[in-house]
Amino acid sequence: MIKAKKSLGQNFLKDADVLGRIIKAANLSQDDVVIEVGPGQGALTELLAGVCKKVIAIELDDRLIEPLHTKFVDNRNVEIIHDDILKLNLPALMEQQLKDNNTKDYKVVANIPYYITAPIIRLFLETKIPPSEVIFMVQKEVAERICAKPGAISILAVSVQYYAKAEFLFTVFKESFEPVPKVDSAIIKITHNSQLTTDNKEKTKKFFRVVKSGFSAKRKTLINNLSNGLQIDKKEIEEKLGSIGFSPSVRAQELGVEDWKKLADRL
């Protein structure tokens, strides 16, 4: 039996009930093409292969590649790719996969390595050909941050919710893994906003510049952060905030994504 590699943040999910709930949450059909990041020993891969058209399992750990190939040698709809998800050419891969499988979109279902959660989420949100839906297992605390509402919102939540709808589905307790990690996990569902266009790069760039400035100092008011970060007079920022219904004392975590969009348009 292959042991988990701590340097890769590996904890293998062993709970059959949880695996079944993940498959149910993904709502897959025989027409779906699915990417799985970090298939590990292939427990989730096996279930995915039974309900969808094609599974593209991307694994970094070279020790797992041969066992995965052996496990799925008779599954013609499973493709094992030995690569780093953050380094491969994802748009080129998916353009070819969608063409080969005669479909227009794909989904992502994965128990992703926790130490690179944010980069992986950002990759799939910002890629040229984004998935229609993502089902990710992440640390529970991170899941709560991603799905937070105005009042407790973070820059991570704004970054995700700008591109997609984020939902907290259910908690996965640490005892469901081998080896047992120190924290509980959770399943989240991220549904890409099909109305979002990627052609206005300058508008998106400005949005995130404003957001980054707004969250730059946690203990300061939004006016102070924006004034310092964007080099804009505080009086002007106060007027812009007032125009979207916020007081001068408001802090960054109190604004929702739509509020940030309105503010960025006015600055």
Protein backbone atom coordinates (compact mmCIF):
# COMPACT_ATOMS: atom_id res chain seq x y z
CA MET A 1 0.00 0.00 0.00
CA ILE A 2 1.35 3.43 -0.95
CA LYS A 3 1.68 5.82 1.97
CA ALA A 4 0.54 9.39 1.71
CA LYS A 5 3.28 11.88 0.92
CA LYS A 6 3.24 14.72 3.45
CA SER A 7 5.12 17.10 1.13
CA LEU A 8 2.20 16.87 -1.31
CA GLY A 9 -0.44 17.37 1.38
CA GLN A 10 -1.91 13.92 0.78
CA ASN A 11 -4.74 12.53 2.89
CA PHE A 12 -6.67 9.80 1.09
CA LEU A 13 -10.46 9.84 1.46
CA LYS A 14 -11.62 6.38 2.57
CA ASP A 15 -15.27 6.95 3.57
CA ALA A 16 -17.58 5.34 0.99
CA ASP A 17 -20.59 7.36 2.17
CA VAL A 18 -18.74 10.64 1.66
CA LEU A 19 -17.54 9.54 -1.78
CA GLY A 20 -21.13 8.75 -2.71
CA ARG A 21 -22.32 12.15 -1.51
CA ILE A 22 -19.67 13.87 -3.63
CA ILE A 23 -20.84 12.00 -6.73
CA LYS A 24 -24.46 12.88 -5.96
CA ALA A 25 -23.56 16.56 -5.44
CA ALA A 26 -21.80 16.66 -8.82
CA ASN A 27 -25.03 15.57 -10.55
CA LEU A 28 -23.15 13.86 -13.37
CA SER A 29 -24.47 12.25 -16.52
CA GLN A 30 -23.09 10.00 -19.27
CA ASP A 31 -22.47 13.14 -21.34
CA ASP A 32 -20.13 14.79 -18.83
CA VAL A 33 -16.38 15.25 -19.16
CA VAL A 34 -14.73 15.60 -15.74
CA ILE A 35 -11.30 16.68 -14.53
CA GLU A 36 -10.13 15.19 -11.25
CA VAL A 37 -7.10 16.83 -9.65
CA GLY A 38 -5.07 14.53 -7.42
CA PRO A 39 -6.86 11.18 -7.84
CA GLY A 40 -4.56 9.57 -5.27
CA GLN A 41 -5.41 5.87 -5.08
CA GLY A 42 -8.39 6.26 -7.41
CA ALA A 43 -11.35 5.80 -5.02
CA LEU A 44 -13.24 8.83 -6.36
CA THR A 45 -11.96 8.22 -9.90
CA GLU A 46 -13.61 4.80 -9.92
CA LEU A 47 -17.02 6.25 -9.04
CA LEU A 48 -16.64 9.08 -11.55
CA ALA A 49 -15.80 6.59 -14.31
CA GLY A 50 -19.02 4.76 -13.64
CA VAL A 51 -21.28 7.76 -14.21
CA CYS A 52 -19.66 10.07 -16.77
CA LYS A 53 -18.37 10.01 -20.32
CA LYS A 54 -14.71 10.84 -19.64
CA VAL A 55 -12.50 11.27 -16.56
CA ILE A 56 -9.21 13.15 -16.92
CA ALA A 57 -7.27 12.37 -13.74
CA ILE A 58 -4.25 14.63 -13.23
CA GLU A 59 -1.74 13.30 -10.69
CA LEU A 60 1.63 14.78 -9.68
CA ASP A 61 2.99 11.98 -7.46
CA ASP A 62 5.02 9.63 -9.66
CA ARG A 63 4.56 6.78 -7.18
CA LEU A 64 0.82 6.73 -7.89
CA ILE A 65 0.93 6.75 -11.69
CA GLU A 66 1.66 3.06 -12.30
CA PRO A 67 -0.93 1.87 -9.72
CA LEU A 68 -3.52 4.18 -11.28
CA HIS A 69 -2.77 2.90 -14.79
CA THR A 70 -3.06 -0.66 -13.50
CA LYS A 71 -6.33 0.04 -11.66
CA PHE A 72 -7.97 1.63 -14.70
CA VAL A 73 -6.39 -0.39 -17.50
CA ASP A 74 -9.84 -1.65 -18.56
CA ASN A 75 -11.59 1.72 -18.20
CA ARG A 76 -11.43 3.31 -21.63
CA ASN A 77 -13.07 6.48 -20.34
CA VAL A 78 -10.31 7.18 -17.78
CA GLU A 79 -7.17 9.07 -18.84
CA ILE A 80 -4.32 9.41 -16.34
CA ILE A 81 -2.10 12.45 -16.86
CA HIS A 82 1.18 12.64 -14.94
CA ASP A 83 1.66 16.37 -14.49
CA ASP A 84 1.37 19.39 -12.22
CA ILE A 85 -2.07 20.97 -12.68
CA LEU A 86 -0.55 24.42 -12.09
CA LYS A 87 2.04 23.99 -14.84
CA LEU A 88 0.25 22.19 -17.67
CA ASN A 89 -1.47 24.06 -20.49
CA LEU A 90 -5.06 23.72 -19.25
CA PRO A 91 -6.77 25.62 -22.12
CA ALA A 92 -4.99 23.50 -24.74
CA LEU A 93 -5.81 20.29 -22.87
CA MET A 94 -9.50 21.11 -22.53
CA GLU A 95 -9.86 22.44 -26.07
CA GLN A 96 -8.69 19.05 -27.34
CA GLN A 97 -10.72 17.06 -24.81
CA LEU A 98 -13.95 18.90 -25.57
CA LYS A 99 -13.36 18.39 -29.28
CA ASP A 100 -12.58 14.68 -28.88
CA ASN A 101 -15.62 14.11 -26.69
CA ASN A 102 -17.96 16.28 -28.77
CA THR A 103 -19.10 18.49 -25.90
CA LYS A 104 -19.07 22.19 -25.08
CA ASP A 105 -18.18 22.20 -21.38
CA TYR A 106 -16.73 20.17 -18.54
CA LYS A 107 -16.83 19.84 -14.76
CA VAL A 108 -14.18 19.51 -12.07
CA VAL A 109 -14.62 17.10 -9.15
CA ALA A 110 -11.67 16.74 -6.80
CA ASN A 111 -10.23 16.39 -3.33
CA ILE A 112 -7.58 18.98 -4.05
CA PRO A 113 -4.22 19.28 -2.25
CA TYR A 114 -4.93 21.76 0.53
CA TYR A 115 -1.57 23.50 0.38
CA ILE A 116 -2.36 24.80 -3.12
CA THR A 117 -6.12 25.34 -2.71
CA ALA A 118 -6.15 29.03 -3.66
CA PRO A 119 -3.95 28.68 -6.79
CA ILE A 120 -6.04 25.75 -8.08
CA ILE A 121 -9.33 27.58 -7.53
CA ARG A 122 -7.92 30.67 -9.22
CA LEU A 123 -6.68 28.54 -12.13
CA PHE A 124 -10.12 27.15 -12.91
CA LEU A 125 -11.90 30.48 -12.39
CA GLU A 126 -9.57 32.48 -14.62
CA THR A 127 -8.72 29.96 -17.34
CA LYS A 128 -9.69 30.67 -20.94
CA ILE A 129 -12.07 27.68 -20.97
CA PRO A 130 -13.54 27.54 -17.43
CA PRO A 131 -15.54 24.56 -16.13
CA SER A 132 -19.31 24.97 -15.88
CA GLU A 133 -19.22 23.60 -12.35
CA VAL A 134 -16.64 22.69 -9.71
CA ILE A 135 -17.05 20.35 -6.74
CA PHE A 136 -14.05 20.73 -4.44
CA MET A 137 -13.12 19.30 -1.08
CA VAL A 138 -11.18 21.90 0.91
CA GLN A 139 -10.44 22.63 4.56
CA LYS A 140 -13.67 23.53 6.35
CA GLU A 141 -12.33 26.90 7.45
CA VAL A 142 -11.40 27.75 3.85
CA ALA A 143 -14.82 26.59 2.61
CA GLU A 144 -16.52 28.92 5.09
CA ARG A 145 -14.33 31.82 3.97
CA ILE A 146 -15.03 31.19 0.28
CA CYS A 147 -18.80 31.07 0.82
CA ALA A 148 -18.98 33.98 3.29
CA LYS A 149 -21.63 36.69 3.03
CA PRO A 150 -21.20 40.47 3.42
CA GLY A 151 -20.27 41.22 7.01
CA ALA A 152 -17.69 38.45 7.16
CA ILE A 153 -16.48 38.48 3.57
CA SER A 154 -12.77 38.16 2.74
CA ILE A 155 -10.66 38.94 -0.30
CA LEU A 156 -10.72 35.20 -1.10
CA ALA A 157 -14.53 35.19 -1.07
CA VAL A 158 -14.70 38.27 -3.29
CA SER A 159 -12.20 36.71 -5.71
CA VAL A 160 -14.25 33.52 -6.05
CA GLN A 161 -17.69 35.14 -6.02
CA TYR A 162 -16.70 37.62 -8.72
CA TYR A 163 -16.47 34.73 -11.17
CA ALA A 164 -18.96 32.25 -9.74
CA LYS A 165 -21.64 31.27 -7.25
CA ALA A 166 -20.12 29.50 -4.24
CA GLU A 167 -22.10 27.10 -2.03
CA PHE A 168 -21.12 25.23 1.14
CA LEU A 169 -22.60 21.72 0.71
CA PHE A 170 -21.52 19.61 3.69
CA THR A 171 -18.80 18.94 6.25
CA VAL A 172 -16.41 15.98 5.93
CA PHE A 173 -14.98 15.02 9.31
CA LYS A 174 -11.26 14.32 9.60
CA GLU A 175 -11.87 10.66 10.54
CA SER A 176 -12.94 10.03 6.93
CA PHE A 177 -9.29 10.25 5.81
CA GLU A 178 -6.18 8.12 5.97
CA PRO A 179 -3.96 9.35 7.52
CA VAL A 180 -6.27 11.40 9.75
CA PRO A 181 -5.55 15.14 9.25
CA LYS A 182 -5.69 17.77 12.00
CA VAL A 183 -8.76 19.58 10.65
CA ASP A 184 -12.19 18.84 9.22
CA SER A 185 -12.93 19.38 5.56
CA ALA A 186 -15.95 20.46 3.54
CA ILE A 187 -17.42 20.07 0.08
CA ILE A 188 -18.13 23.26 -1.83
CA LYS A 189 -19.83 23.80 -5.17
CA ILE A 190 -18.67 26.60 -7.45
CA THR A 191 -20.89 27.36 -10.43
CA HIS A 192 -19.30 29.57 -13.06
CA ASN A 193 -21.19 32.72 -14.02
CA SER A 194 -22.02 32.09 -17.67
CA GLN A 195 -22.93 35.78 -18.09
CA LEU A 196 -19.41 36.89 -17.19
CA THR A 197 -17.39 37.95 -20.19
CA THR A 198 -13.63 37.72 -20.22
CA ASP A 199 -13.13 40.25 -23.01
CA ASN A 200 -13.03 43.30 -20.71
CA LYS A 201 -9.70 42.58 -19.05
CA GLU A 202 -9.13 46.19 -18.02
CA LYS A 203 -12.41 46.30 -16.09
CA THR A 204 -11.57 43.07 -14.28
CA LYS A 205 -8.05 44.33 -13.56
CA LYS A 206 -9.43 47.56 -12.09
CA PHE A 207 -11.97 45.64 -9.98
CA PHE A 208 -9.28 43.55 -8.33
CA ARG A 209 -6.98 46.54 -7.87
CA VAL A 210 -9.75 48.29 -5.92
CA VAL A 211 -10.56 45.15 -3.90
CA LYS A 212 -6.91 44.50 -3.05
CA SER A 213 -6.53 48.09 -1.84
CA GLY A 214 -9.74 47.84 0.17
CA PHE A 215 -8.54 44.80 2.09
CA SER A 216 -4.93 46.02 2.49
CA ALA A 217 -5.17 46.78 6.24
CA LYS A 218 -7.72 44.78 8.21
CA ARG A 219 -8.12 47.22 11.11
CA LYS A 220 -8.57 50.33 8.99
CA THR A 221 -11.75 51.66 7.44
CA LEU A 222 -12.36 51.14 3.75
CA ILE A 223 -11.93 54.87 3.09
CA ASN A 224 -8.43 54.86 4.58
CA ASN A 225 -7.38 51.71 2.73
CA LEU A 226 -8.66 52.92 -0.64
CA SER A 227 -7.20 56.39 -0.19
CA ASN A 228 -3.77 54.98 0.64
CA GLY A 229 -3.84 52.22 -1.97
CA LEU A 230 -5.31 54.14 -4.89
CA GLN A 231 -3.96 57.62 -4.03
CA ILE A 232 -7.45 59.13 -4.09
CA ASP A 233 -8.71 61.87 -1.78
CA LYS A 234 -10.74 60.54 1.16
CA LYS A 235 -13.59 62.98 0.49
CA GLU A 236 -14.03 61.61 -3.03
CA ILE A 237 -14.08 58.03 -1.76
CA GLU A 238 -16.62 58.96 0.94
CA GLU A 239 -18.90 60.38 -1.76
CA LYS A 240 -18.59 57.25 -3.89
CA LEU A 241 -19.35 55.01 -0.92
CA GLY A 242 -22.37 57.14 -0.03
CA SER A 243 -23.67 56.78 -3.59
CA ILE A 244 -23.92 53.00 -3.14
CA GLY A 245 -25.41 53.23 0.37
CA PHE A 246 -22.46 52.90 2.74
CA SER A 247 -21.28 55.12 5.61
CA PRO A 248 -17.74 56.53 5.97
CA SER A 249 -17.00 54.01 8.75
CA VAL A 250 -17.65 50.92 6.62
CA ARG A 251 -14.98 48.23 6.43
CA ALA A 252 -14.05 46.02 3.49
CA GLN A 253 -15.67 42.84 4.86
CA GLU A 254 -19.09 44.50 4.88
CA LEU A 255 -19.33 44.88 1.09
CA GLY A 256 -20.64 42.16 -1.20
CA VAL A 257 -19.31 41.46 -4.70
CA GLU A 258 -22.00 43.60 -6.36
CA ASP A 259 -21.10 46.49 -4.03
CA TRP A 260 -17.44 46.16 -5.01
CA LYS A 261 -18.42 46.21 -8.69
CA LYS A 262 -20.43 49.42 -8.23
CA LEU A 263 -17.62 51.02 -6.26
CA ALA A 264 -14.97 50.07 -8.82
CA ASP A 265 -17.13 51.56 -11.59
CA ARG A 266 -17.33 54.86 -9.72
CA LEU A 267 -13.65 55.21 -8.80
